[in-house]
Structure formats: C-alpha cells, structure tokens
C-alpha cells in the first residue's frame, strides 16, 4: 500500500478519535462523571488529530473558555500544515 494512502487513513482515524473524545469528555462533564484528562486530549491533538479536536471543540462547545485550547489547537493545525507542506516539498 502506498505510504500516502496509509498516512491519509491515519489522519482520518486520529482526527475521528480526537473529535469523538471531545464529545465524550463534554458528555462526562455534564454528568459530573470521570473526565478524560487534558493531557490525553492534547496527545490526540498533537499526534495528528488537531482538525478533529478543533471541530469537536466547536461542535460540542467544549474547552471553549480555555485559552490553551482556543489558541493552542489552531497553532497545532498551522504546525501540522507546515510539516505536511514541507514534507511534500522535500519529496518532489
């Protein structure tokens, strides 16, 4: 299988997971249940799930009062775009 296809599948899976855990954590917050740690949320965001995390933050209105998420997730998205763009440029 082509490496680009594997990378695309990885991004779909990690972003889906990031979106889902934002929703799960919001639901748990409403029920005062055991929460998903911010460290885990950030792990998913940093390892490629930044877009899913951002969409989850907006869709579920979760972590929207935390400046580290409001500014941090878009910053990670920019870093991911730069890394992918640089990788594509270097592989030409």
C-alpha atoms as a PDB file:
ATOM      1  CA  UNK A   1       0.000   0.000   0.000  1.00  0.00           C
ATOM      2  CA  UNK A   2       1.236   3.471  -0.852  1.00  0.00           C
ATOM      3  CA  UNK A   3       2.651   5.435   2.082  1.00  0.00           C
ATOM      4  CA  UNK A   4       0.459   8.411   1.243  1.00  0.00           C
ATOM      5  CA  UNK A   5      -2.681   6.274   1.493  1.00  0.00           C
ATOM      6  CA  UNK A   6      -1.561   4.910   4.872  1.00  0.00           C
ATOM      7  CA  UNK A   7      -0.875   8.449   6.071  1.00  0.00           C
ATOM      8  CA  UNK A   8      -4.319   9.604   4.897  1.00  0.00           C
ATOM      9  CA  UNK A   9      -6.017   6.681   6.676  1.00  0.00           C
ATOM     10  CA  UNK A  10      -4.049   7.520   9.838  1.00  0.00           C
ATOM     11  CA  UNK A  11      -5.184  11.151   9.682  1.00  0.00           C
ATOM     12  CA  UNK A  12      -8.825  10.151   9.219  1.00  0.00           C
ATOM     13  CA  UNK A  13      -8.654   7.752  12.181  1.00  0.00           C
ATOM     14  CA  UNK A  14      -6.783  10.074  14.566  1.00  0.00           C
ATOM     15  CA  UNK A  15      -8.989  13.059  13.722  1.00  0.00           C
ATOM     16  CA  UNK A  16     -12.122  10.952  14.170  1.00  0.00           C
ATOM     17  CA  UNK A  17     -10.806   9.787  17.533  1.00  0.00           C
ATOM     18  CA  UNK A  18      -9.962  13.331  18.564  1.00  0.00           C
ATOM     19  CA  UNK A  19     -13.456  14.524  17.629  1.00  0.00           C
ATOM     20  CA  UNK A  20     -15.076  11.645  19.499  1.00  0.00           C
ATOM     21  CA  UNK A  21     -13.098  12.092  22.725  1.00  0.00           C
ATOM     22  CA  UNK A  22     -14.008  15.788  22.779  1.00  0.00           C
ATOM     23  CA  UNK A  23     -17.678  14.769  22.652  1.00  0.00           C
ATOM     24  CA  UNK A  24     -17.248  12.034  25.245  1.00  0.00           C
ATOM     25  CA  UNK A  25     -15.444  14.383  27.617  1.00  0.00           C
ATOM     26  CA  UNK A  26     -18.158  17.031  27.207  1.00  0.00           C
ATOM     27  CA  UNK A  27     -20.860  14.444  27.961  1.00  0.00           C
ATOM     28  CA  UNK A  28     -18.946  13.291  31.033  1.00  0.00           C
ATOM     29  CA  UNK A  29     -18.524  16.901  32.170  1.00  0.00           C
ATOM     30  CA  UNK A  30     -22.285  17.452  32.008  1.00  0.00           C
ATOM     31  CA  UNK A  31     -22.889  14.284  34.075  1.00  0.00           C
ATOM     32  CA  UNK A  32     -20.077  15.064  36.546  1.00  0.00           C
ATOM     33  CA  UNK A  33     -18.557  11.696  35.629  1.00  0.00           C
ATOM     34  CA  UNK A  34     -14.892  10.743  35.397  1.00  0.00           C
ATOM     35  CA  UNK A  35     -13.295  13.004  32.762  1.00  0.00           C
ATOM     36  CA  UNK A  36     -10.744  12.456  30.031  1.00  0.00           C
ATOM     37  CA  UNK A  37      -7.563  14.245  31.070  1.00  0.00           C
ATOM     38  CA  UNK A  38      -6.428  17.327  29.198  1.00  0.00           C
ATOM     39  CA  UNK A  39      -3.133  15.518  28.685  1.00  0.00           C
ATOM     40  CA  UNK A  40      -4.966  12.817  26.701  1.00  0.00           C
ATOM     41  CA  UNK A  41      -6.902  15.409  24.699  1.00  0.00           C
ATOM     42  CA  UNK A  42      -3.656  17.166  23.830  1.00  0.00           C
ATOM     43  CA  UNK A  43      -1.972  13.887  22.927  1.00  0.00           C
ATOM     44  CA  UNK A  44      -4.636  13.181  20.305  1.00  0.00           C
ATOM     45  CA  UNK A  45      -4.392  16.762  19.019  1.00  0.00           C
ATOM     46  CA  UNK A  46      -0.595  16.805  18.760  1.00  0.00           C
ATOM     47  CA  UNK A  47      -0.185  13.396  17.087  1.00  0.00           C
ATOM     48  CA  UNK A  48      -2.343  14.446  14.160  1.00  0.00           C
ATOM     49  CA  UNK A  49      -5.867  14.981  15.440  1.00  0.00           C
ATOM     50  CA  UNK A  50      -5.784  18.767  15.526  1.00  0.00           C
ATOM     51  CA  UNK A  51      -8.574  19.314  12.998  1.00  0.00           C
ATOM     52  CA  UNK A  52     -10.808  16.739  14.689  1.00  0.00           C
ATOM     53  CA  UNK A  53     -10.070  18.322  18.062  1.00  0.00           C
ATOM     54  CA  UNK A  54     -10.911  21.775  16.739  1.00  0.00           C
ATOM     55  CA  UNK A  55     -14.137  20.580  15.132  1.00  0.00           C
ATOM     56  CA  UNK A  56     -15.052  18.722  18.335  1.00  0.00           C
ATOM     57  CA  UNK A  57     -14.330  21.804  20.409  1.00  0.00           C
ATOM     58  CA  UNK A  58     -16.650  23.865  18.201  1.00  0.00           C
ATOM     59  CA  UNK A  59     -19.369  21.229  17.729  1.00  0.00           C
ATOM     60  CA  UNK A  60     -19.671  20.267  21.391  1.00  0.00           C
ATOM     61  CA  UNK A  61     -18.772  23.737  22.747  1.00  0.00           C
ATOM     62  CA  UNK A  62     -16.112  22.055  24.823  1.00  0.00           C
ATOM     63  CA  UNK A  63     -12.987  23.725  26.218  1.00  0.00           C
ATOM     64  CA  UNK A  64     -14.065  26.998  24.567  1.00  0.00           C
ATOM     65  CA  UNK A  65     -13.201  29.019  27.691  1.00  0.00           C
ATOM     66  CA  UNK A  66      -9.686  27.589  27.949  1.00  0.00           C
ATOM     67  CA  UNK A  67      -7.211  29.819  26.130  1.00  0.00           C
ATOM     68  CA  UNK A  68      -4.751  26.939  25.766  1.00  0.00           C
ATOM     69  CA  UNK A  69      -7.322  25.189  23.575  1.00  0.00           C
ATOM     70  CA  UNK A  70      -8.696  28.300  21.845  1.00  0.00           C
ATOM     71  CA  UNK A  71      -5.227  29.364  20.659  1.00  0.00           C
ATOM     72  CA  UNK A  72      -3.317  26.118  21.013  1.00  0.00           C
ATOM     73  CA  UNK A  73      -5.338  23.929  18.661  1.00  0.00           C
ATOM     74  CA  UNK A  74      -5.189  26.418  15.738  1.00  0.00           C
ATOM     75  CA  UNK A  75      -1.439  26.775  16.383  1.00  0.00           C
ATOM     76  CA  UNK A  76      -1.024  22.990  16.169  1.00  0.00           C
ATOM     77  CA  UNK A  77      -3.081  22.951  12.953  1.00  0.00           C
ATOM     78  CA  UNK A  78      -0.677  25.508  11.456  1.00  0.00           C
ATOM     79  CA  UNK A  79       2.329  23.440  12.543  1.00  0.00           C
ATOM     80  CA  UNK A  80       0.771  20.305  11.007  1.00  0.00           C
ATOM     81  CA  UNK A  81       0.114  22.146   7.734  1.00  0.00           C
ATOM     82  CA  UNK A  82       3.703  23.412   7.662  1.00  0.00           C
ATOM     83  CA  UNK A  83       5.109  19.952   8.383  1.00  0.00           C
ATOM     84  CA  UNK A  84       2.997  18.294   5.701  1.00  0.00           C
ATOM     85  CA  UNK A  85       3.761  21.051   3.185  1.00  0.00           C
ATOM     86  CA  UNK A  86       7.472  20.825   3.941  1.00  0.00           C
ATOM     87  CA  UNK A  87       7.387  17.054   3.587  1.00  0.00           C
ATOM     88  CA  UNK A  88       5.638  17.279   0.237  1.00  0.00           C
ATOM     89  CA  UNK A  89       8.090  19.948  -0.946  1.00  0.00           C
ATOM     90  CA  UNK A  90      11.131  17.903   0.096  1.00  0.00           C
ATOM     91  CA  UNK A  91       9.830  14.739  -1.579  1.00  0.00           C
ATOM     92  CA  UNK A  92       9.449  16.362  -5.000  1.00  0.00           C
END
